[in-house]
Structures are given as C-alpha cells and as structure tokens.
C-alpha cells in the first residue's frame, strides 16, 4: 500500500507572459534608448567609491600547525572584497588562493587561506603595491624586512627567537655541566 503525503504542494500557475514585441523598428529603437539612458543599475543604490577595489595588506603567515612555536614568513594578502583572498610571498609569487566573503581586514586581524594562517601587520597602499616598491624592498638584502618604511614584525620576531634560542642553549649546557658532577643523593 502506497503512502500519500498529508498535504499536496500546489503547482505554480502559469502567470508569466512574455513581453510583446515592438510594433515597429522606431518603437524598438526608442525602447533601447530608454533602457540605455537609465543604465543597468538605475534602481540600485549608489556604490561606495572603493566598492570592489582590491585591498593590499602586509601579513605574517605560516602553515597551519598545532605546534606552540611556529615559523612565520612575511607575505602580502591581496583581498578582492566579497570574492577572494590571495596570499603572496614577498617576491610576488602566489602561495594560496581562496574564495572569501571578507570585505576588509584590520591590523592584527587573522584569516585562514587554504592551509595557511595569516595575521595582518599593516595595510599597503594600492599605488605602492602596483608600482612594485614593496617587492624591490624585499629583494634587496638590507631592507628585507622593511615594508612601507616599517620593519615587519615577522623578521624582528625571527631574530628575537634566534637570540632567545642561543641563550637558552647556553643555559641548558651550563646547567648540564653543573648537574653532571653533583652526587645523585644531593644530601651530603
């Protein structure tokens, strides 16, 4: 025995009617002129001046990991609002691309692009990105960590981490030498 649904879904009535063709070529031309004068977005709200314009950010990025100590690299985030986010190295090579609904980023904000975690360091002017100044600064050895006149925190953090690791290694070696000669009982 077949079960029937408790309710019936009403079918849509065929209320659509196609527009009537223009009576003459003069009428068609008038209709086209009227539509083109109104423009495609005649009834739409006016867009913001930078609506849809690409935004550029200096970022620190690393592969997603659960490790406590991660190694961050300097990079650039190209954000096409409500469309996609492109992660690039400081040489301009694309690392990852992902569709996003993000419209803007704040300094210190985080974002995940594919398998990379990003943190925004600062915003880059579109003219600076398009002129290539930031890529030239990254290519030269002396200004490797400088973006827009500001030293990128990723480079500073790497040098700080290296110095802390050296001090830590020296301290652990000296501690190992001290405990190597001490008796195991430690009491007397």
N, C-alpha and C. Protein backbone atom coordinates (compact mmCIF):
# COMPACT_ATOMS: atom_id res chain seq x y z
N UNK A 1 0.84 -1.17 0.00
CA UNK A 1 0.00 0.00 0.00
C UNK A 1 0.89 1.24 0.00
N UNK A 2 0.62 2.16 -0.92
CA UNK A 2 1.41 3.37 -1.02
C UNK A 2 0.92 4.41 -0.04
N UNK A 3 1.88 5.09 0.57
CA UNK A 3 1.52 6.18 1.47
C UNK A 3 1.46 7.47 0.69
N UNK A 4 0.47 8.24 0.95
CA UNK A 4 0.34 9.54 0.31
C UNK A 4 0.70 10.61 1.33
N UNK A 5 1.29 11.71 0.84
CA UNK A 5 1.61 12.78 1.78
C UNK A 5 0.34 13.40 2.34
N UNK A 6 0.45 13.94 3.55
CA UNK A 6 -0.70 14.52 4.23
C UNK A 6 -1.15 15.81 3.56
N UNK A 7 -0.29 16.43 2.80
CA UNK A 7 -0.66 17.67 2.13
C UNK A 7 -0.17 17.62 0.70
N UNK A 8 -0.79 18.41 -0.14
CA UNK A 8 -0.38 18.49 -1.53
C UNK A 8 0.31 19.83 -1.75
N UNK A 9 1.38 19.80 -2.51
CA UNK A 9 2.09 21.01 -2.85
C UNK A 9 1.40 21.62 -4.07
N UNK A 10 0.91 22.87 -3.96
CA UNK A 10 0.23 23.46 -5.11
C UNK A 10 1.22 23.74 -6.23
N UNK A 11 0.77 23.55 -7.43
CA UNK A 11 1.61 23.81 -8.58
C UNK A 11 1.55 25.30 -8.91
N UNK A 12 2.66 25.82 -9.38
CA UNK A 12 2.71 27.24 -9.72
C UNK A 12 1.85 27.50 -10.95
N UNK A 13 1.08 28.54 -10.88
CA UNK A 13 0.23 28.90 -12.01
C UNK A 13 1.09 29.53 -13.09
N UNK A 14 0.73 29.33 -14.29
CA UNK A 14 1.49 29.89 -15.40
C UNK A 14 1.05 31.32 -15.62
N UNK A 15 1.59 32.24 -14.79
CA UNK A 15 1.20 33.64 -14.88
C UNK A 15 2.23 34.46 -15.63
N UNK A 16 3.29 33.82 -16.11
CA UNK A 16 4.32 34.55 -16.82
C UNK A 16 3.88 34.80 -18.26
N UNK A 17 4.03 36.02 -18.67
CA UNK A 17 3.73 36.33 -20.07
C UNK A 17 4.92 37.06 -20.65
N UNK A 18 5.30 36.67 -21.83
CA UNK A 18 6.45 37.27 -22.48
C UNK A 18 6.12 38.69 -22.91
N UNK A 19 7.13 39.58 -22.92
CA UNK A 19 6.86 40.95 -23.36
C UNK A 19 6.46 40.96 -24.83
N UNK A 20 5.60 41.88 -25.14
CA UNK A 20 5.12 41.98 -26.51
C UNK A 20 6.19 42.63 -27.36
N UNK A 21 6.40 42.15 -28.58
CA UNK A 21 7.41 42.76 -29.44
C UNK A 21 6.98 44.16 -29.86
N UNK A 22 7.99 45.00 -30.13
CA UNK A 22 7.72 46.37 -30.54
C UNK A 22 7.01 46.37 -31.89
N UNK A 23 6.11 47.32 -32.08
CA UNK A 23 5.32 47.36 -33.30
C UNK A 23 6.16 47.72 -34.50
N UNK A 24 7.18 48.52 -34.30
CA UNK A 24 8.00 48.92 -35.44
C UNK A 24 9.45 49.06 -34.99
N UNK A 25 10.30 49.27 -35.96
CA UNK A 25 11.72 49.45 -35.65
C UNK A 25 11.93 50.74 -34.87
N UNK A 26 11.11 51.75 -35.10
CA UNK A 26 11.22 53.00 -34.38
C UNK A 26 10.88 52.79 -32.91
N UNK A 27 9.87 51.97 -32.65
CA UNK A 27 9.48 51.66 -31.28
C UNK A 27 10.57 50.89 -30.55
N UNK A 28 11.22 49.95 -31.23
CA UNK A 28 12.30 49.16 -30.63
C UNK A 28 13.49 50.05 -30.32
N UNK A 29 13.81 50.96 -31.25
CA UNK A 29 14.94 51.86 -31.03
C UNK A 29 14.67 52.78 -29.85
N UNK A 30 13.43 53.22 -29.71
CA UNK A 30 13.07 54.08 -28.59
C UNK A 30 13.19 53.33 -27.27
N UNK A 31 12.79 52.06 -27.25
CA UNK A 31 12.88 51.24 -26.04
C UNK A 31 14.34 51.03 -25.65
N UNK A 32 15.20 50.77 -26.62
CA UNK A 32 16.62 50.56 -26.34
C UNK A 32 17.25 51.85 -25.82
N UNK A 33 16.90 52.97 -26.43
CA UNK A 33 17.45 54.26 -25.98
C UNK A 33 16.99 54.56 -24.56
N UNK A 34 15.75 54.23 -24.22
CA UNK A 34 15.22 54.48 -22.88
C UNK A 34 15.96 53.62 -21.85
N UNK A 35 16.20 52.35 -22.19
CA UNK A 35 16.90 51.46 -21.26
C UNK A 35 18.37 51.85 -21.09
N UNK A 36 19.03 52.23 -22.17
CA UNK A 36 20.44 52.59 -22.05
C UNK A 36 20.63 53.90 -21.31
N UNK A 37 19.66 54.82 -21.42
CA UNK A 37 19.75 56.07 -20.68
C UNK A 37 19.59 55.83 -19.19
N UNK A 38 18.75 54.88 -18.82
CA UNK A 38 18.53 54.57 -17.41
C UNK A 38 19.73 53.84 -16.82
N UNK A 39 20.43 53.07 -17.65
CA UNK A 39 21.60 52.33 -17.19
C UNK A 39 21.18 51.03 -16.52
N UNK A 40 22.08 50.09 -16.42
CA UNK A 40 21.74 48.79 -15.84
C UNK A 40 21.47 48.85 -14.35
N UNK A 41 22.03 49.86 -13.65
CA UNK A 41 21.84 49.95 -12.21
C UNK A 41 21.04 51.19 -11.84
N UNK A 42 20.02 51.50 -12.64
CA UNK A 42 19.26 52.72 -12.40
C UNK A 42 18.54 52.69 -11.06
N UNK A 43 18.04 51.54 -10.64
CA UNK A 43 17.30 51.43 -9.39
C UNK A 43 18.17 50.99 -8.23
N UNK A 44 19.43 50.66 -8.48
CA UNK A 44 20.32 50.17 -7.43
C UNK A 44 20.83 51.34 -6.60
N UNK A 45 21.24 51.03 -5.38
CA UNK A 45 21.80 52.06 -4.51
C UNK A 45 23.19 52.41 -5.00
N UNK A 46 23.62 53.65 -4.85
CA UNK A 46 24.95 54.03 -5.33
C UNK A 46 26.03 53.27 -4.57
N UNK A 47 27.05 52.85 -5.27
CA UNK A 47 28.13 52.07 -4.67
C UNK A 47 29.14 53.00 -4.02
N UNK A 48 29.85 52.46 -3.05
CA UNK A 48 30.92 53.21 -2.40
C UNK A 48 32.05 53.41 -3.41
N UNK A 49 32.87 54.45 -3.26
CA UNK A 49 33.91 54.71 -4.25
C UNK A 49 34.88 53.55 -4.43
N UNK A 50 35.25 52.83 -3.36
CA UNK A 50 36.19 51.73 -3.46
C UNK A 50 35.50 50.37 -3.43
N UNK A 51 34.22 50.33 -3.73
CA UNK A 51 33.49 49.08 -3.69
C UNK A 51 34.05 48.13 -4.75
N UNK A 52 34.57 47.00 -4.34
CA UNK A 52 35.11 46.02 -5.27
C UNK A 52 36.58 46.25 -5.61
N UNK A 53 37.19 47.32 -5.13
CA UNK A 53 38.60 47.58 -5.42
C UNK A 53 39.46 46.66 -4.56
N UNK A 54 40.56 46.24 -5.12
CA UNK A 54 41.46 45.35 -4.39
C UNK A 54 42.10 46.09 -3.22
N UNK A 55 42.32 45.35 -2.14
CA UNK A 55 42.98 45.89 -0.96
C UNK A 55 44.22 45.06 -0.71
N UNK A 56 45.28 45.69 -0.25
CA UNK A 56 46.56 45.02 -0.07
C UNK A 56 47.01 45.17 1.38
N UNK A 57 47.51 44.06 1.94
CA UNK A 57 47.94 44.04 3.34
C UNK A 57 49.28 43.32 3.45
N UNK A 58 50.12 43.82 4.33
CA UNK A 58 51.34 43.12 4.69
C UNK A 58 50.96 42.15 5.80
N UNK A 59 51.34 40.88 5.66
CA UNK A 59 50.93 39.86 6.62
C UNK A 59 52.11 38.99 7.04
N UNK A 60 51.92 38.31 8.16
CA UNK A 60 52.80 37.23 8.58
C UNK A 60 51.98 35.96 8.37
N UNK A 61 52.58 34.94 7.77
CA UNK A 61 51.83 33.71 7.52
C UNK A 61 52.67 32.49 7.83
N UNK A 62 51.97 31.41 8.14
CA UNK A 62 52.63 30.12 8.35
C UNK A 62 51.64 29.02 8.00
N UNK A 63 52.16 27.84 7.75
CA UNK A 63 51.31 26.69 7.52
C UNK A 63 50.55 26.40 8.81
N UNK A 64 49.29 25.96 8.68
CA UNK A 64 48.52 25.63 9.87
C UNK A 64 49.22 24.50 10.62
N UNK A 65 49.37 24.69 11.93
CA UNK A 65 50.01 23.69 12.77
C UNK A 65 49.53 23.87 14.20
N UNK A 66 49.56 22.80 14.95
CA UNK A 66 49.17 22.89 16.36
C UNK A 66 50.38 23.10 17.26
N UNK A 67 51.55 23.24 16.65
CA UNK A 67 52.77 23.46 17.43
C UNK A 67 52.68 24.78 18.18
N UNK A 68 53.36 24.83 19.30
CA UNK A 68 53.34 26.04 20.11
C UNK A 68 54.21 27.12 19.47
N UNK A 69 55.37 26.73 18.94
CA UNK A 69 56.30 27.67 18.32
C UNK A 69 56.24 27.47 16.81
N UNK A 70 55.77 28.49 16.10
CA UNK A 70 55.62 28.41 14.66
C UNK A 70 56.62 29.34 13.99
N UNK A 71 56.96 29.03 12.77
CA UNK A 71 57.85 29.87 11.99
C UNK A 71 57.01 30.68 11.01
N UNK A 72 57.02 31.99 11.16
CA UNK A 72 56.23 32.87 10.31
C UNK A 72 57.09 33.44 9.20
N UNK A 73 56.48 33.66 8.06
CA UNK A 73 57.13 34.30 6.93
C UNK A 73 56.40 35.60 6.61
N UNK A 74 57.10 36.53 5.97
CA UNK A 74 56.48 37.77 5.53
C UNK A 74 55.75 37.51 4.23
N UNK A 75 54.63 38.16 4.04
CA UNK A 75 53.87 37.98 2.81
C UNK A 75 52.92 39.13 2.57
N UNK A 76 52.15 38.99 1.51
CA UNK A 76 51.18 40.01 1.11
C UNK A 76 49.84 39.33 0.90
N UNK A 77 48.80 39.96 1.40
CA UNK A 77 47.44 39.49 1.18
C UNK A 77 46.76 40.45 0.22
N UNK A 78 46.31 39.92 -0.90
CA UNK A 78 45.53 40.70 -1.86
C UNK A 78 44.08 40.28 -1.65
N UNK A 79 43.26 41.24 -1.24
CA UNK A 79 41.87 40.94 -0.92
C UNK A 79 40.97 41.60 -1.94
N UNK A 80 40.21 40.79 -2.66
CA UNK A 80 39.16 41.30 -3.54
C UNK A 80 37.89 41.15 -2.72
N UNK A 81 37.32 42.27 -2.21
CA UNK A 81 36.21 42.18 -1.26
C UNK A 81 35.06 41.30 -1.73
N UNK A 82 34.61 40.44 -0.84
CA UNK A 82 33.49 39.52 -1.06
C UNK A 82 33.74 38.55 -2.20
N UNK A 83 34.98 38.38 -2.61
CA UNK A 83 35.27 37.45 -3.70
C UNK A 83 36.37 36.46 -3.33
N UNK A 84 37.63 36.96 -3.26
CA UNK A 84 38.73 36.04 -2.97
C UNK A 84 39.87 36.71 -2.25
N UNK A 85 40.67 35.87 -1.62
CA UNK A 85 41.87 36.30 -0.91
C UNK A 85 43.05 35.57 -1.52
N UNK A 86 44.09 36.32 -1.87
CA UNK A 86 45.28 35.74 -2.49
C UNK A 86 46.46 36.01 -1.58
N UNK A 87 47.15 34.94 -1.16
CA UNK A 87 48.35 35.06 -0.33
C UNK A 87 49.56 34.99 -1.25
N UNK A 88 50.46 35.98 -1.14
CA UNK A 88 51.67 36.03 -1.96
C UNK A 88 52.90 36.13 -1.08
N UNK A 89 54.02 35.64 -1.61
CA UNK A 89 55.29 35.82 -0.92
C UNK A 89 55.75 37.25 -1.16
N UNK A 90 56.84 37.65 -0.53
CA UNK A 90 57.37 38.99 -0.73
C UNK A 90 58.03 39.13 -2.10
N UNK A 91 58.18 38.04 -2.82
CA UNK A 91 58.69 38.09 -4.19
C UNK A 91 57.55 38.20 -5.20
N UNK A 92 56.30 38.12 -4.74
CA UNK A 92 55.15 38.25 -5.62
C UNK A 92 54.60 36.94 -6.14
N UNK A 93 55.10 35.81 -5.66
CA UNK A 93 54.59 34.51 -6.10
C UNK A 93 53.34 34.15 -5.30
N UNK A 94 52.33 33.62 -5.99
CA UNK A 94 51.11 33.22 -5.31
C UNK A 94 51.36 31.94 -4.51
N UNK A 95 50.95 31.97 -3.24
CA UNK A 95 51.10 30.82 -2.37
C UNK A 95 49.77 30.07 -2.28
N UNK A 96 48.69 30.82 -2.05
CA UNK A 96 47.37 30.20 -1.90
C UNK A 96 46.29 31.20 -2.31
N UNK A 97 45.18 30.67 -2.79
CA UNK A 97 44.03 31.48 -3.16
C UNK A 97 42.78 30.81 -2.62
N UNK A 98 41.87 31.61 -2.10
CA UNK A 98 40.64 31.05 -1.56
C UNK A 98 39.50 32.06 -1.72
N UNK A 99 38.31 31.53 -1.99
CA UNK A 99 37.13 32.39 -2.05
C UNK A 99 36.74 32.80 -0.64
N UNK A 100 36.37 34.06 -0.46
CA UNK A 100 36.03 34.56 0.87
C UNK A 100 34.93 35.60 0.78
N UNK A 101 34.25 35.82 1.88
CA UNK A 101 33.23 36.85 1.97
C UNK A 101 33.75 38.06 2.73
N UNK A 102 35.02 38.05 3.08
CA UNK A 102 35.67 39.13 3.80
C UNK A 102 35.64 40.40 2.96
N UNK A 103 35.26 41.52 3.55
CA UNK A 103 35.23 42.78 2.80
C UNK A 103 36.42 43.67 3.15
N UNK A 104 36.95 43.56 4.34
CA UNK A 104 38.14 44.32 4.73
C UNK A 104 38.80 43.65 5.92
N UNK A 105 40.05 44.02 6.18
CA UNK A 105 40.79 43.45 7.30
C UNK A 105 41.28 44.60 8.18
N UNK A 106 41.46 44.28 9.46
CA UNK A 106 42.01 45.25 10.41
C UNK A 106 43.42 44.81 10.78
N UNK A 107 44.25 45.76 11.19
CA UNK A 107 45.59 45.44 11.64
C UNK A 107 45.47 44.55 12.87
N UNK A 108 46.17 43.43 12.85
CA UNK A 108 46.10 42.46 13.94
C UNK A 108 45.05 41.39 13.70
N UNK A 109 44.23 41.54 12.66
CA UNK A 109 43.20 40.56 12.34
C UNK A 109 43.81 39.30 11.77
N UNK A 110 43.10 38.20 11.90
CA UNK A 110 43.58 36.92 11.40
C UNK A 110 42.63 36.37 10.34
N UNK A 111 43.17 35.53 9.49
CA UNK A 111 42.40 34.92 8.41
C UNK A 111 43.09 33.63 8.03
N UNK A 112 42.32 32.65 7.59
CA UNK A 112 42.89 31.40 7.08
C UNK A 112 42.66 31.34 5.58
N UNK A 113 43.73 31.12 4.84
CA UNK A 113 43.65 30.95 3.40
C UNK A 113 44.23 29.58 3.09
N UNK A 114 43.36 28.68 2.66
CA UNK A 114 43.70 27.27 2.46
C UNK A 114 44.32 26.72 3.74
N UNK A 115 45.55 26.25 3.68
CA UNK A 115 46.16 25.66 4.88
C UNK A 115 47.13 26.63 5.55
N UNK A 116 46.95 27.93 5.34
CA UNK A 116 47.83 28.93 5.92
C UNK A 116 47.06 29.83 6.89
N UNK A 117 47.70 30.16 8.00
CA UNK A 117 47.15 31.12 8.96
C UNK A 117 47.85 32.44 8.73
N UNK A 118 47.06 33.54 8.66
CA UNK A 118 47.62 34.86 8.41
C UNK A 118 47.32 35.80 9.55
N UNK A 119 48.20 36.75 9.78
CA UNK A 119 47.93 37.85 10.69
C UNK A 119 48.34 39.14 9.99
N UNK A 120 47.43 40.11 9.94
CA UNK A 120 47.67 41.35 9.23
C UNK A 120 48.61 42.24 10.05
N UNK A 121 49.67 42.73 9.41
CA UNK A 121 50.63 43.61 10.05
C UNK A 121 50.25 45.06 9.78
N UNK A 122 50.05 45.41 8.53
CA UNK A 122 49.61 46.76 8.16
C UNK A 122 49.01 46.75 6.77
N UNK A 123 48.34 47.85 6.44
CA UNK A 123 47.73 47.98 5.12
C UNK A 123 48.74 48.61 4.17
N UNK A 124 48.71 48.18 2.92
CA UNK A 124 49.62 48.69 1.91
C UNK A 124 48.79 49.50 0.91
N UNK A 125 49.28 50.67 0.53
CA UNK A 125 48.58 51.48 -0.46
C UNK A 125 48.61 50.78 -1.80
N UNK A 126 47.52 50.91 -2.54
CA UNK A 126 47.43 50.27 -3.85
C UNK A 126 48.51 50.77 -4.80
N UNK A 127 48.84 52.06 -4.72
CA UNK A 127 49.88 52.60 -5.60
C UNK A 127 51.24 52.00 -5.29
N UNK A 128 51.51 51.74 -4.00
CA UNK A 128 52.79 51.15 -3.61
C UNK A 128 52.90 49.71 -4.10
N UNK A 129 51.81 48.97 -4.01
CA UNK A 129 51.80 47.58 -4.49
C UNK A 129 51.96 47.54 -6.00
N UNK A 130 51.17 48.35 -6.70
CA UNK A 130 51.18 48.31 -8.16
C UNK A 130 52.48 48.84 -8.74
N UNK A 131 53.16 49.73 -8.03
CA UNK A 131 54.44 50.23 -8.53
C UNK A 131 55.55 49.20 -8.33
N UNK A 132 55.36 48.27 -7.39
CA UNK A 132 56.35 47.23 -7.15
C UNK A 132 57.39 47.60 -6.12
N UNK A 133 57.21 48.72 -5.43
CA UNK A 133 58.20 49.15 -4.43
C UNK A 133 58.38 48.14 -3.31
N UNK A 134 57.30 47.51 -2.89
CA UNK A 134 57.42 46.56 -1.78
C UNK A 134 58.18 45.31 -2.18
N UNK A 135 58.10 44.92 -3.46
CA UNK A 135 58.84 43.75 -3.93
C UNK A 135 60.32 44.08 -4.07
N UNK A 136 60.64 45.29 -4.47
CA UNK A 136 62.03 45.72 -4.59
C UNK A 136 62.67 45.78 -3.21
N UNK A 137 61.92 46.29 -2.22
CA UNK A 137 62.45 46.36 -0.86
C UNK A 137 62.72 44.97 -0.31
N UNK A 138 61.88 44.01 -0.64
CA UNK A 138 62.07 42.65 -0.16
C UNK A 138 63.24 41.97 -0.85
N UNK A 139 63.49 42.32 -2.11
CA UNK A 139 64.57 41.68 -2.87
C UNK A 139 65.95 42.14 -2.42
N UNK A 140 66.08 43.40 -2.02
CA UNK A 140 67.38 43.90 -1.57
C UNK A 140 67.70 43.33 -0.20
N UNK A 141 68.93 42.97 0.01
CA UNK A 141 69.32 42.31 1.26
C UNK A 141 69.19 43.17 2.49
N UNK A 142 69.48 44.46 2.39
CA UNK A 142 69.50 45.31 3.58
C UNK A 142 68.10 45.64 4.08
N UNK A 143 67.14 45.76 3.19
CA UNK A 143 65.78 46.13 3.59
C UNK A 143 64.83 44.95 3.51
N UNK A 144 65.30 43.75 3.77
CA UNK A 144 64.48 42.57 3.57
C UNK A 144 63.21 42.58 4.40
N UNK A 145 63.25 43.14 5.59
CA UNK A 145 62.06 43.11 6.44
C UNK A 145 61.31 44.42 6.48
N UNK A 146 61.65 45.36 5.61
CA UNK A 146 61.02 46.67 5.65
C UNK A 146 59.90 46.74 4.62
N UNK A 147 58.71 47.08 5.08
CA UNK A 147 57.57 47.24 4.19
C UNK A 147 56.97 48.60 4.48
N UNK A 148 56.99 49.47 3.50
CA UNK A 148 56.41 50.80 3.68
C UNK A 148 57.10 51.61 4.76
N UNK A 149 58.41 51.42 4.95
CA UNK A 149 59.15 52.18 5.93
C UNK A 149 59.08 51.61 7.34
N UNK A 150 58.37 50.50 7.54
CA UNK A 150 58.21 49.90 8.86
C UNK A 150 58.79 48.50 8.81
N UNK A 151 59.63 48.16 9.79
CA UNK A 151 60.21 46.82 9.83
C UNK A 151 59.11 45.82 10.16
N UNK A 152 58.99 44.80 9.32
CA UNK A 152 57.94 43.81 9.50
C UNK A 152 58.19 43.00 10.77
N UNK A 153 57.16 42.79 11.60
CA UNK A 153 57.33 42.06 12.85
C UNK A 153 57.79 40.62 12.67
N UNK A 154 57.50 40.00 11.55
CA UNK A 154 57.91 38.61 11.36
C UNK A 154 59.44 38.51 11.37
N UNK A 155 60.11 39.44 10.71
CA UNK A 155 61.57 39.42 10.68
C UNK A 155 62.13 39.73 12.05
N UNK A 156 61.56 40.70 12.73
CA UNK A 156 62.01 41.04 14.08
C UNK A 156 61.77 39.87 15.03
N UNK A 157 60.64 39.20 14.88
CA UNK A 157 60.32 38.07 15.74
C UNK A 157 61.28 36.91 15.49
N UNK A 158 61.66 36.70 14.22
CA UNK A 158 62.59 35.63 13.91
C UNK A 158 63.95 35.90 14.55
N UNK A 159 64.44 37.13 14.47
CA UNK A 159 65.76 37.43 15.05
C UNK A 159 65.70 37.33 16.57
N UNK A 160 64.59 37.75 17.18
CA UNK A 160 64.43 37.64 18.62
C UNK A 160 64.39 36.17 19.04
N UNK A 161 63.65 35.36 18.29
CA UNK A 161 63.55 33.93 18.60
C UNK A 161 64.91 33.25 18.49
N UNK A 162 65.71 33.65 17.50
CA UNK A 162 67.04 33.06 17.33
C UNK A 162 67.93 33.41 18.51
N UNK A 163 67.89 34.66 18.97
CA UNK A 163 68.74 35.05 20.09
C UNK A 163 68.28 34.36 21.38
N UNK A 164 66.99 34.22 21.58
CA UNK A 164 66.48 33.52 22.76
C UNK A 164 66.89 32.06 22.72
N UNK A 165 66.88 31.45 21.54
CA UNK A 165 67.28 30.05 21.41
C UNK A 165 68.76 29.88 21.75
N UNK A 166 69.60 30.84 21.31
CA UNK A 166 71.03 30.75 21.63
C UNK A 166 71.27 30.85 23.13
N UNK A 167 70.60 31.79 23.79
CA UNK A 167 70.76 31.97 25.24
C UNK A 167 70.26 30.73 25.96
N UNK A 168 69.13 30.21 25.52
CA UNK A 168 68.56 29.02 26.15
C UNK A 168 69.51 27.82 26.01
N UNK A 169 70.12 27.67 24.84
CA UNK A 169 71.05 26.56 24.63
C UNK A 169 72.27 26.70 25.55
N UNK A 170 72.80 27.92 25.70
CA UNK A 170 73.95 28.13 26.58
C UNK A 170 73.60 27.80 28.03
N UNK A 171 72.40 28.23 28.45
CA UNK A 171 71.99 27.98 29.84
C UNK A 171 71.80 26.50 30.09
N UNK A 172 71.22 25.78 29.15
CA UNK A 172 71.00 24.35 29.36
C UNK A 172 72.33 23.59 29.38
N UNK A 173 73.31 24.03 28.58
CA UNK A 173 74.63 23.38 28.60
C UNK A 173 75.32 23.60 29.94
N UNK A 174 75.25 24.84 30.46
CA UNK A 174 75.91 25.11 31.74
C UNK A 174 75.21 24.37 32.87
N UNK A 175 73.90 24.26 32.80
CA UNK A 175 73.15 23.52 33.81
C UNK A 175 73.49 22.03 33.75
N UNK A 176 73.67 21.51 32.55
CA UNK A 176 74.02 20.10 32.39
C UNK A 176 75.42 19.83 32.97
N UNK A 177 76.35 20.78 32.75
CA UNK A 177 77.70 20.60 33.30
C UNK A 177 77.68 20.62 34.83
N UNK A 178 76.87 21.51 35.42
CA UNK A 178 76.80 21.59 36.87
C UNK A 178 76.20 20.33 37.47
N UNK A 179 75.13 19.83 36.85
CA UNK A 179 74.47 18.65 37.43
C UNK A 179 75.23 17.37 37.14
N UNK A 180 76.12 17.36 36.15
CA UNK A 180 76.86 16.15 35.82
C UNK A 180 77.85 15.78 36.94
N UNK A 181 78.41 16.76 37.63
CA UNK A 181 79.39 16.49 38.69
C UNK A 181 78.75 16.34 40.06
N UNK A 182 77.50 16.67 40.23
CA UNK A 182 76.84 16.63 41.53
C UNK A 182 76.45 15.19 41.87
N UNK A 183 76.51 14.82 43.17
CA UNK A 183 76.09 13.47 43.55
C UNK A 183 74.57 13.33 43.38
N UNK A 184 74.14 12.07 43.13
CA UNK A 184 72.71 11.80 42.88
C UNK A 184 71.87 11.98 44.13
N UNK A 185 72.40 11.68 45.27
CA UNK A 185 71.64 11.79 46.51
C UNK A 185 71.37 13.26 46.85
N UNK A 186 72.30 14.11 46.53
CA UNK A 186 72.18 15.54 46.71
C UNK A 186 72.18 15.97 48.17
N UNK A 187 72.31 15.07 49.14
CA UNK A 187 72.19 15.50 50.52
C UNK A 187 73.47 15.36 51.33
N UNK A 188 74.55 15.02 50.88
CA UNK A 188 75.59 15.07 51.80
C UNK A 188 76.78 14.32 51.67
